[in-house]
Amino acid sequence: GIVSPAMAAVAVSPTLGAAAQATKPKARPNVLLMICDDLGYGD
């Protein structure tokens, strides 16, 4: 699973656009917080 063609880079919109269509969650969300060590802003 090193690189999968199905996971090729996806183009990202350059602007924020309309406000999020937030809805009340069915349950309190889980949180997955990942942090790297020394990863640069342009990496």
PDB file of all heavy atoms in Angstrom:
ATOM      1  N   GLY A   1       0.791  -1.230   0.000  1.00  0.00           N
ATOM      2  CA  GLY A   1       0.000   0.000   0.000  1.00  0.00           C
ATOM      3  C   GLY A   1       0.812   1.264   0.000  1.00  0.00           C
ATOM      4  O   GLY A   1       0.321   2.303   0.404  1.00  0.00           O
ATOM      5  N   ILE A   2       2.065   1.198  -0.453  1.00  0.00           N
ATOM      6  CA  ILE A   2       2.913   2.384  -0.419  1.00  0.00           C
ATOM      7  C   ILE A   2       2.286   3.522  -1.215  1.00  0.00           C
ATOM      8  O   ILE A   2       2.080   4.614  -0.734  1.00  0.00           O
ATOM      9  CB  ILE A   2       4.320   2.056  -0.955  1.00  0.00           C
ATOM     10  CG1 ILE A   2       5.033   1.121   0.036  1.00  0.00           C
ATOM     11  CG2 ILE A   2       5.131   3.322  -1.162  1.00  0.00           C
ATOM     12  CD1 ILE A   2       6.373   0.637  -0.453  1.00  0.00           C
ATOM     13  N   VAL A   3       1.968   3.286  -2.475  1.00  0.00           N
ATOM     14  CA  VAL A   3       1.300   4.283  -3.297  1.00  0.00           C
ATOM     15  C   VAL A   3       0.227   3.580  -4.111  1.00  0.00           C
ATOM     16  O   VAL A   3       0.525   2.626  -4.821  1.00  0.00           O
ATOM     17  CB  VAL A   3       2.283   5.001  -4.246  1.00  0.00           C
ATOM     18  CG1 VAL A   3       1.522   5.986  -5.122  1.00  0.00           C
ATOM     19  CG2 VAL A   3       3.370   5.707  -3.466  1.00  0.00           C
ATOM     20  N   SER A   4      -0.979   4.033  -3.982  1.00  0.00           N
ATOM     21  CA  SER A   4      -2.076   3.443  -4.735  1.00  0.00           C
ATOM     22  C   SER A   4      -2.604   4.451  -5.738  1.00  0.00           C
ATOM     23  O   SER A   4      -2.855   5.605  -5.386  1.00  0.00           O
ATOM     24  CB  SER A   4      -3.205   3.031  -3.777  1.00  0.00           C
ATOM     25  OG  SER A   4      -4.357   2.699  -4.499  1.00  0.00           O
ATOM     26  N   PRO A   5      -2.773   4.059  -6.999  1.00  0.00           N
ATOM     27  CA  PRO A   5      -3.305   4.999  -7.988  1.00  0.00           C
ATOM     28  C   PRO A   5      -4.640   5.594  -7.560  1.00  0.00           C
ATOM     29  O   PRO A   5      -4.958   6.719  -7.907  1.00  0.00           O
ATOM     30  CB  PRO A   5      -3.457   4.141  -9.250  1.00  0.00           C
ATOM     31  CG  PRO A   5      -2.479   3.011  -9.061  1.00  0.00           C
ATOM     32  CD  PRO A   5      -2.469   2.739  -7.592  1.00  0.00           C
ATOM     33  N   ALA A   6      -5.406   4.816  -6.804  1.00  0.00           N
ATOM     34  CA  ALA A   6      -6.717   5.317  -6.379  1.00  0.00           C
ATOM     35  C   ALA A   6      -6.592   6.470  -5.399  1.00  0.00           C
ATOM     36  O   ALA A   6      -7.526   7.218  -5.180  1.00  0.00           O
ATOM     37  CB  ALA A   6      -7.529   4.191  -5.738  1.00  0.00           C
ATOM     38  N   MET A   7      -5.377   6.592  -4.755  1.00  0.00           N
ATOM     39  CA  MET A   7      -5.174   7.648  -3.774  1.00  0.00           C
ATOM     40  C   MET A   7      -4.333   8.771  -4.348  1.00  0.00           C
ATOM     41  O   MET A   7      -3.619   9.455  -3.646  1.00  0.00           O
ATOM     42  CB  MET A   7      -4.491   7.080  -2.524  1.00  0.00           C
ATOM     43  CG  MET A   7      -5.355   6.074  -1.775  1.00  0.00           C
ATOM     44  SD  MET A   7      -6.911   6.768  -1.235  1.00  0.00           S
ATOM     45  CE  MET A   7      -6.342   7.873   0.038  1.00  0.00           C
ATOM     46  N   ALA A   8      -4.364   8.973  -5.660  1.00  0.00           N
ATOM     47  CA  ALA A   8      -3.599  10.050  -6.280  1.00  0.00           C
ATOM     48  C   ALA A   8      -4.036  11.385  -5.715  1.00  0.00           C
ATOM     49  O   ALA A   8      -5.153  11.557  -5.236  1.00  0.00           O
ATOM     50  CB  ALA A   8      -3.814  10.035  -7.798  1.00  0.00           C
ATOM     51  N   ALA A   9      -3.132  12.372  -5.780  1.00  0.00           N
ATOM     52  CA  ALA A   9      -3.416  13.683  -5.201  1.00  0.00           C
ATOM     53  C   ALA A   9      -4.680  14.278  -5.802  1.00  0.00           C
ATOM     54  O   ALA A   9      -4.913  14.232  -7.005  1.00  0.00           O
ATOM     55  CB  ALA A   9      -2.230  14.618  -5.438  1.00  0.00           C
ATOM     56  N   VAL A  10      -5.504  14.839  -4.931  1.00  0.00           N
ATOM     57  CA  VAL A  10      -6.769  15.432  -5.355  1.00  0.00           C
ATOM     58  C   VAL A  10      -6.619  16.941  -5.362  1.00  0.00           C
ATOM     59  O   VAL A  10      -6.073  17.531  -4.436  1.00  0.00           O
ATOM     60  CB  VAL A  10      -7.895  15.026  -4.368  1.00  0.00           C
ATOM     61  CG1 VAL A  10      -9.209  15.669  -4.777  1.00  0.00           C
ATOM     62  CG2 VAL A  10      -8.027  13.519  -4.326  1.00  0.00           C
ATOM     63  N   ALA A  11      -7.081  17.586  -6.413  1.00  0.00           N
ATOM     64  CA  ALA A  11      -7.006  19.042  -6.494  1.00  0.00           C
ATOM     65  C   ALA A  11      -7.855  19.657  -5.400  1.00  0.00           C
ATOM     66  O   ALA A  11      -8.962  19.214  -5.126  1.00  0.00           O
ATOM     67  CB  ALA A  11      -7.484  19.523  -7.858  1.00  0.00           C
ATOM     68  N   VAL A  12      -7.330  20.704  -4.780  1.00  0.00           N
ATOM     69  CA  VAL A  12      -8.016  21.351  -3.676  1.00  0.00           C
ATOM     70  C   VAL A  12      -8.459  22.737  -4.106  1.00  0.00           C
ATOM     71  O   VAL A  12      -7.710  23.469  -4.746  1.00  0.00           O
ATOM     72  CB  VAL A  12      -7.074  21.454  -2.455  1.00  0.00           C
ATOM     73  CG1 VAL A  12      -7.784  22.119  -1.292  1.00  0.00           C
ATOM     74  CG2 VAL A  12      -6.603  20.069  -2.053  1.00  0.00           C
ATOM     75  N   SER A  13      -9.678  23.091  -3.753  1.00  0.00           N
ATOM     76  CA  SER A  13     -10.204  24.413  -4.096  1.00  0.00           C
ATOM     77  C   SER A  13      -9.336  25.502  -3.503  1.00  0.00           C
ATOM     78  O   SER A  13      -8.951  25.431  -2.342  1.00  0.00           O
ATOM     79  CB  SER A  13     -11.622  24.545  -3.538  1.00  0.00           C
ATOM     80  OG  SER A  13     -12.065  25.876  -3.646  1.00  0.00           O
ATOM     81  N   PRO A  14      -9.009  26.550  -4.267  1.00  0.00           N
ATOM     82  CA  PRO A  14      -8.153  27.604  -3.753  1.00  0.00           C
ATOM     83  C   PRO A  14      -8.870  28.584  -2.829  1.00  0.00           C
ATOM     84  O   PRO A  14      -8.247  29.437  -2.243  1.00  0.00           O
ATOM     85  CB  PRO A  14      -7.685  28.318  -5.030  1.00  0.00           C
ATOM     86  CG  PRO A  14      -8.809  28.123  -5.985  1.00  0.00           C
ATOM     87  CD  PRO A  14      -9.346  26.748  -5.679  1.00  0.00           C
ATOM     88  N   THR A  15     -10.172  28.499  -2.728  1.00  0.00           N
ATOM     89  CA  THR A  15     -10.900  29.425  -1.873  1.00  0.00           C
ATOM     90  C   THR A  15     -11.810  28.669  -0.932  1.00  0.00           C
ATOM     91  O   THR A  15     -12.136  27.504  -1.135  1.00  0.00           O
ATOM     92  CB  THR A  15     -11.757  30.388  -2.712  1.00  0.00           C
ATOM     93  OG1 THR A  15     -12.659  29.629  -3.517  1.00  0.00           O
ATOM     94  CG2 THR A  15     -10.878  31.240  -3.621  1.00  0.00           C
ATOM     95  N   LEU A  16     -12.241  29.369   0.116  1.00  0.00           N
ATOM     96  CA  LEU A  16     -13.064  28.723   1.130  1.00  0.00           C
ATOM     97  C   LEU A  16     -14.480  28.473   0.647  1.00  0.00           C
ATOM     98  O   LEU A  16     -15.070  27.445   0.936  1.00  0.00           O
ATOM     99  CB  LEU A  16     -13.078  29.592   2.393  1.00  0.00           C
ATOM    100  CG  LEU A  16     -13.764  28.977   3.598  1.00  0.00           C
ATOM    101  CD1 LEU A  16     -13.028  27.723   4.015  1.00  0.00           C
ATOM    102  CD2 LEU A  16     -13.801  29.960   4.745  1.00  0.00           C
ATOM    103  N   GLY A  17     -15.040  29.391  -0.096  1.00  0.00           N
ATOM    104  CA  GLY A  17     -16.396  29.193  -0.596  1.00  0.00           C
ATOM    105  C   GLY A  17     -17.442  29.431   0.476  1.00  0.00           C
ATOM    106  O   GLY A  17     -17.233  30.130   1.451  1.00  0.00           O
ATOM    107  N   ALA A  18     -18.607  28.804   0.315  1.00  0.00           N
ATOM    108  CA  ALA A  18     -19.737  29.025   1.225  1.00  0.00           C
ATOM    109  C   ALA A  18     -19.452  28.440   2.592  1.00  0.00           C
ATOM    110  O   ALA A  18     -18.606  27.582   2.767  1.00  0.00           O
ATOM    111  CB  ALA A  18     -20.992  28.390   0.631  1.00  0.00           C
ATOM    112  N   ALA A  19     -20.193  28.888   3.574  1.00  0.00           N
ATOM    113  CA  ALA A  19     -20.045  28.366   4.932  1.00  0.00           C
ATOM    114  C   ALA A  19     -20.391  26.891   4.968  1.00  0.00           C
ATOM    115  O   ALA A  19     -21.153  26.375   4.153  1.00  0.00           O
ATOM    116  CB  ALA A  19     -20.970  29.145   5.877  1.00  0.00           C
ATOM    117  N   ALA A  20     -19.788  26.220   5.942  1.00  0.00           N
ATOM    118  CA  ALA A  20     -20.018  24.780   6.064  1.00  0.00           C
ATOM    119  C   ALA A  20     -21.488  24.502   6.363  1.00  0.00           C
ATOM    120  O   ALA A  20     -22.151  25.230   7.091  1.00  0.00           O
ATOM    121  CB  ALA A  20     -19.151  24.225   7.179  1.00  0.00           C
ATOM    122  N   GLN A  21     -21.972  23.412   5.791  1.00  0.00           N
ATOM    123  CA  GLN A  21     -23.344  22.983   6.075  1.00  0.00           C
ATOM    124  C   GLN A  21     -23.326  22.060   7.292  1.00  0.00           C
ATOM    125  O   GLN A  21     -23.525  20.859   7.197  1.00  0.00           O
ATOM    126  CB  GLN A  21     -23.917  22.249   4.854  1.00  0.00           C
ATOM    127  CG  GLN A  21     -23.963  23.120   3.598  1.00  0.00           C
ATOM    128  CD  GLN A  21     -24.850  24.341   3.798  1.00  0.00           C
ATOM    129  OE1 GLN A  21     -25.971  24.213   4.282  1.00  0.00           O
ATOM    130  NE2 GLN A  21     -24.338  25.512   3.452  1.00  0.00           N
ATOM    131  N   ALA A  22     -23.008  22.658   8.445  1.00  0.00           N
ATOM    132  CA  ALA A  22     -22.843  21.864   9.655  1.00  0.00           C
ATOM    133  C   ALA A  22     -24.196  21.386  10.176  1.00  0.00           C
ATOM    134  O   ALA A  22     -25.181  22.108  10.173  1.00  0.00           O
ATOM    135  CB  ALA A  22     -22.147  22.688  10.734  1.00  0.00           C
ATOM    136  N   THR A  23     -24.212  20.154  10.609  1.00  0.00           N
ATOM    137  CA  THR A  23     -25.388  19.597  11.265  1.00  0.00           C
ATOM    138  C   THR A  23     -24.977  19.092  12.628  1.00  0.00           C
ATOM    139  O   THR A  23     -23.821  18.812  12.876  1.00  0.00           O
ATOM    140  CB  THR A  23     -25.961  18.422  10.441  1.00  0.00           C
ATOM    141  OG1 THR A  23     -24.939  17.434  10.274  1.00  0.00           O
ATOM    142  CG2 THR A  23     -26.418  18.905   9.075  1.00  0.00           C
ATOM    143  N   LYS A  24     -25.929  18.995  13.502  1.00  0.00           N
ATOM    144  CA  LYS A  24     -25.627  18.530  14.842  1.00  0.00           C
ATOM    145  C   LYS A  24     -25.204  17.063  14.791  1.00  0.00           C
ATOM    146  O   LYS A  24     -25.894  16.230  14.198  1.00  0.00           O
ATOM    147  CB  LYS A  24     -26.868  18.673  15.730  1.00  0.00           C
ATOM    148  CG  LYS A  24     -26.581  18.374  17.200  1.00  0.00           C
ATOM    149  CD  LYS A  24     -27.805  18.666  18.046  1.00  0.00           C
ATOM    150  CE  LYS A  24     -27.507  18.408  19.516  1.00  0.00           C
ATOM    151  NZ  LYS A  24     -28.689  18.687  20.353  1.00  0.00           N
ATOM    152  N   PRO A  25     -24.026  16.717  15.371  1.00  0.00           N
ATOM    153  CA  PRO A  25     -23.573  15.334  15.303  1.00  0.00           C
ATOM    154  C   PRO A  25     -24.512  14.404  16.061  1.00  0.00           C
ATOM    155  O   PRO A  25     -25.130  14.781  17.056  1.00  0.00           O
ATOM    156  CB  PRO A  25     -22.189  15.392  15.978  1.00  0.00           C
ATOM    157  CG  PRO A  25     -22.222  16.610  16.828  1.00  0.00           C
ATOM    158  CD  PRO A  25     -23.109  17.589  16.127  1.00  0.00           C
ATOM    159  N   LYS A  26     -24.626  13.166  15.563  1.00  0.00           N
ATOM    160  CA  LYS A  26     -25.468  12.171  16.227  1.00  0.00           C
ATOM    161  C   LYS A  26     -24.900  11.795  17.581  1.00  0.00           C
ATOM    162  O   LYS A  26     -25.619  11.434  18.499  1.00  0.00           O
ATOM    163  CB  LYS A  26     -25.577  10.934  15.346  1.00  0.00           C
ATOM    164  CG  LYS A  26     -26.292  11.181  14.018  1.00  0.00           C
ATOM    165  CD  LYS A  26     -26.324   9.918  13.173  1.00  0.00           C
ATOM    166  CE  LYS A  26     -27.020  10.169  11.844  1.00  0.00           C
ATOM    167  NZ  LYS A  26     -27.023   8.959  10.979  1.00  0.00           N
ATOM    168  N   ALA A  27     -23.583  11.854  17.692  1.00  0.00           N
ATOM    169  CA  ALA A  27     -22.917  11.555  18.950  1.00  0.00           C
ATOM    170  C   ALA A  27     -21.679  12.426  19.031  1.00  0.00           C
ATOM    171  O   ALA A  27     -21.238  13.002  18.033  1.00  0.00           O
ATOM    172  CB  ALA A  27     -22.534  10.071  19.002  1.00  0.00           C
ATOM    173  N   ARG A  28     -21.134  12.557  20.216  1.00  0.00           N
ATOM    174  CA  ARG A  28     -19.909  13.336  20.337  1.00  0.00           C
ATOM    175  C   ARG A  28     -18.835  12.730  19.439  1.00  0.00           C
ATOM    176  O   ARG A  28     -18.654  11.510  19.414  1.00  0.00           O
ATOM    177  CB  ARG A  28     -19.454  13.355  21.787  1.00  0.00           C
ATOM    178  CG  ARG A  28     -20.354  14.179  22.689  1.00  0.00           C
ATOM    179  CD  ARG A  28     -19.764  14.306  24.076  1.00  0.00           C
ATOM    180  NE  ARG A  28     -19.622  13.008  24.712  1.00  0.00           N
ATOM    181  CZ  ARG A  28     -18.914  12.787  25.816  1.00  0.00           C
ATOM    182  NH1 ARG A  28     -18.251  13.780  26.371  1.00  0.00           N
ATOM    183  NH2 ARG A  28     -18.855  11.587  26.343  1.00  0.00           N
ATOM    184  N   PRO A  29     -18.102  13.557  18.717  1.00  0.00           N
ATOM    185  CA  PRO A  29     -17.140  12.998  17.767  1.00  0.00           C
ATOM    186  C   PRO A  29     -15.931  12.391  18.455  1.00  0.00           C
ATOM    187  O   PRO A  29     -15.532  12.815  19.547  1.00  0.00           O
ATOM    188  CB  PRO A  29     -16.734  14.214  16.935  1.00  0.00           C
ATOM    189  CG  PRO A  29     -16.906  15.376  17.864  1.00  0.00           C
ATOM    190  CD  PRO A  29     -18.139  15.034  18.679  1.00  0.00           C
ATOM    191  N   ASN A  30     -15.354  11.379  17.802  1.00  0.00           N
ATOM    192  CA  ASN A  30     -14.032  10.910  18.183  1.00  0.00           C
ATOM    193  C   ASN A  30     -13.015  11.947  17.706  1.00  0.00           C
ATOM    194  O   ASN A  30     -13.314  12.779  16.851  1.00  0.00           O
ATOM    195  CB  ASN A  30     -13.726   9.571  17.512  1.00  0.00           C
ATOM    196  CG  ASN A  30     -14.797   8.540  17.742  1.00  0.00           C
ATOM    197  OD1 ASN A  30     -15.159   8.247  18.877  1.00  0.00           O
ATOM    198  ND2 ASN A  30     -15.332   7.985  16.650  1.00  0.00           N
ATOM    199  N   VAL A  31     -11.800  11.874  18.224  1.00  0.00           N
ATOM    200  CA  VAL A  31     -10.734  12.785  17.798  1.00  0.00           C
ATOM    201  C   VAL A  31      -9.468  11.979  17.540  1.00  0.00           C
ATOM    202  O   VAL A  31      -8.993  11.246  18.419  1.00  0.00           O
ATOM    203  CB  VAL A  31     -10.458  13.877  18.848  1.00  0.00           C
ATOM    204  CG1 VAL A  31      -9.283  14.759  18.398  1.00  0.00           C
ATOM    205  CG2 VAL A  31     -11.700  14.734  19.076  1.00  0.00           C
ATOM    206  N   LEU A  32      -8.937  12.100  16.318  1.00  0.00           N
ATOM    207  CA  LEU A  32      -7.638  11.535  15.959  1.00  0.00           C
ATOM    208  C   LEU A  32      -6.722  12.710  15.661  1.00  0.00           C
ATOM    209  O   LEU A  32      -6.897  13.413  14.659  1.00  0.00           O
ATOM    210  CB  LEU A  32      -7.759  10.626  14.739  1.00  0.00           C
ATOM    211  CG  LEU A  32      -6.442  10.156  14.087  1.00  0.00           C
ATOM    212  CD1 LEU A  32      -5.564   9.419  15.080  1.00  0.00           C
ATOM    213  CD2 LEU A  32      -6.720   9.296  12.852  1.00  0.00           C
ATOM    214  N   LEU A  33      -5.763  12.950  16.541  1.00  0.00           N
ATOM    215  CA  LEU A  33      -4.837  14.068  16.409  1.00  0.00           C
ATOM    216  C   LEU A  33      -3.443  13.516  16.104  1.00  0.00           C
ATOM    217  O   LEU A  33      -2.832  12.861  16.945  1.00  0.00           O
ATOM    218  CB  LEU A  33      -4.826  14.888  17.705  1.00  0.00           C
ATOM    219  CG  LEU A  33      -3.782  15.995  17.843  1.00  0.00           C
ATOM    220  CD1 LEU A  33      -3.827  16.959  16.667  1.00  0.00           C
ATOM    221  CD2 LEU A  33      -3.983  16.743  19.162  1.00  0.00           C
ATOM    222  N   MET A  34      -2.965  13.771  14.892  1.00  0.00           N
ATOM    223  CA  MET A  34      -1.644  13.286  14.465  1.00  0.00           C
ATOM    224  C   MET A  34      -0.689  14.471  14.362  1.00  0.00           C
ATOM    225  O   MET A  34      -1.017  15.489  13.739  1.00  0.00           O
ATOM    226  CB  MET A  34      -1.756  12.593  13.101  1.00  0.00           C
ATOM    227  CG  MET A  34      -2.646  11.355  13.115  1.00  0.00           C
ATOM    228  SD  MET A  34      -2.940  10.680  11.448  1.00  0.00           S
ATOM    229  CE  MET A  34      -4.229  11.800  10.854  1.00  0.00           C
ATOM    230  N   ILE A  35       0.483  14.326  14.953  1.00  0.00           N
ATOM    231  CA  ILE A  35       1.471  15.397  14.932  1.00  0.00           C
ATOM    232  C   ILE A  35       2.833  14.810  14.574  1.00  0.00           C
ATOM    233  O   ILE A  35       3.259  13.796  15.132  1.00  0.00           O
ATOM    234  CB  ILE A  35       1.517  16.144  16.292  1.00  0.00           C
ATOM    235  CG1 ILE A  35       2.524  17.294  16.248  1.00  0.00           C
ATOM    236  CG2 ILE A  35       1.803  15.206  17.447  1.00  0.00           C
ATOM    237  CD1 ILE A  35       2.419  18.220  17.447  1.00  0.00           C
ATOM    238  N   CYS A  36       3.497  15.434  13.608  1.00  0.00           N
ATOM    239  CA  CYS A  36       4.837  14.995  13.196  1.00  0.00           C
ATOM    240  C   CYS A  36       5.898  15.769  13.961  1.00  0.00           C
ATOM    241  O   CYS A  36       5.622  16.789  14.590  1.00  0.00           O
ATOM    242  CB  CYS A  36       5.029  15.216  11.702  1.00  0.00           C
ATOM    243  SG  CYS A  36       4.001  14.167  10.672  1.00  0.00           S
ATOM    244  N   ASP A  37       7.123  15.306  13.856  1.00  0.00           N
ATOM    245  CA  ASP A  37       8.261  15.962  14.488  1.00  0.00           C
ATOM    246  C   ASP A  37       9.120  16.594  13.400  1.00  0.00           C
ATOM    247  O   ASP A  37       9.711  15.897  12.572  1.00  0.00           O
ATOM    248  CB  ASP A  37       9.073  14.931  15.276  1.00  0.00           C
ATOM    249  CG  ASP A  37      10.005  15.578  16.289  1.00  0.00           C
ATOM    250  OD1 ASP A  37      10.051  16.805  16.333  1.00  0.00           O
ATOM    251  OD2 ASP A  37      10.675  14.836  17.031  1.00  0.00           O
ATOM    252  N   ASP A  38       9.169  17.932  13.360  1.00  0.00           N
ATOM    253  CA  ASP A  38      10.015  18.688  12.419  1.00  0.00           C
ATOM    254  C   ASP A  38       9.503  18.669  10.984  1.00  0.00           C
ATOM    255  O   ASP A  38      10.269  18.940  10.059  1.00  0.00           O
ATOM    256  CB  ASP A  38      11.463  18.166  12.414  1.00  0.00           C
ATOM    257  CG  ASP A  38      12.218  18.439  13.706  1.00  0.00           C
ATOM    258  OD1 ASP A  38      11.586  18.825  14.691  1.00  0.00           O
ATOM    259  OD2 ASP A  38      13.443  18.249  13.717  1.00  0.00           O
ATOM    260  N   LEU A  39       8.243  18.353  10.750  1.00  0.00           N
ATOM    261  CA  LEU A  39       7.702  18.423   9.395  1.00  0.00           C
ATOM    262  C   LEU A  39       7.514  19.880   9.002  1.00  0.00           C
ATOM    263  O   LEU A  39       6.909  20.653   9.740  1.00  0.00           O
ATOM    264  CB  LEU A  39       6.356  17.694   9.314  1.00  0.00           C
ATOM    265  CG  LEU A  39       5.706  17.631   7.931  1.00  0.00           C
ATOM    266  CD1 LEU A  39       6.432  16.632   7.043  1.00  0.00           C
ATOM    267  CD2 LEU A  39       4.225  17.260   8.042  1.00  0.00           C
ATOM    268  N   GLY A  40       8.041  20.262   7.831  1.00  0.00           N
ATOM    269  CA  GLY A  40       7.991  21.645   7.418  1.00  0.00           C
ATOM    270  C   GLY A  40       6.674  22.050   6.780  1.00  0.00           C
ATOM    271  O   GLY A  40       5.928  21.218   6.253  1.00  0.00           O
ATOM    272  N   TYR A  41       6.410  23.340   6.788  1.00  0.00           N
ATOM    273  CA  TYR A  41       5.207  23.913   6.185  1.00  0.00           C
ATOM    274  C   TYR A  41       5.101  23.564   4.701  1.00  0.00           C
ATOM    275  O   TYR A  41       4.003  23.431   4.167  1.00  0.00           O
ATOM    276  CB  TYR A  41       5.258  25.430   6.390  1.00  0.00           C
ATOM    277  CG  TYR A  41       4.149  26.220   5.769  1.00  0.00           C
ATOM    278  CD1 TYR A  41       2.846  26.115   6.245  1.00  0.00           C
ATOM    279  CD2 TYR A  41       4.411  27.115   4.740  1.00  0.00           C
ATOM    280  CE1 TYR A  41       1.822  26.870   5.682  1.00  0.00           C
ATOM    281  CE2 TYR A  41       3.397  27.876   4.177  1.00  0.00           C
ATOM    282  CZ  TYR A  41       2.108  27.751   4.649  1.00  0.00           C
ATOM    283  OH  TYR A  41       1.101  28.499   4.093  1.00  0.00           O
ATOM    284  N   GLY A  42       6.227  23.374   4.022  1.00  0.00           N
ATOM    285  CA  GLY A  42       6.209  23.075   2.599  1.00  0.00           C
ATOM    286  C   GLY A  42       6.536  21.645   2.249  1.00  0.00           C
ATOM    287  O   GLY A  42       6.928  21.357   1.112  1.00  0.00           O
ATOM    288  N   ASP A  43       6.371  20.714   3.194  1.00  0.00           N
ATOM    289  CA  ASP A  43       6.798  19.321   2.981  1.00  0.00           C
ATOM    290  C   ASP A  43       5.714  18.405   2.420  1.00  0.00           C
ATOM    291  O   ASP A  43       5.993  17.233   2.158  1.00  0.00           O
ATOM    292  CB  ASP A  43       7.325  18.718   4.289  1.00  0.00           C
ATOM    293  CG  ASP A  43       8.786  19.065   4.553  1.00  0.00           C
ATOM    294  OD1 ASP A  43       9.517  19.306   3.572  1.00  0.00           O
ATOM    295  OD2 ASP A  43       9.197  19.082   5.731  1.00  0.00           O
TER     296      ASP A  43
END
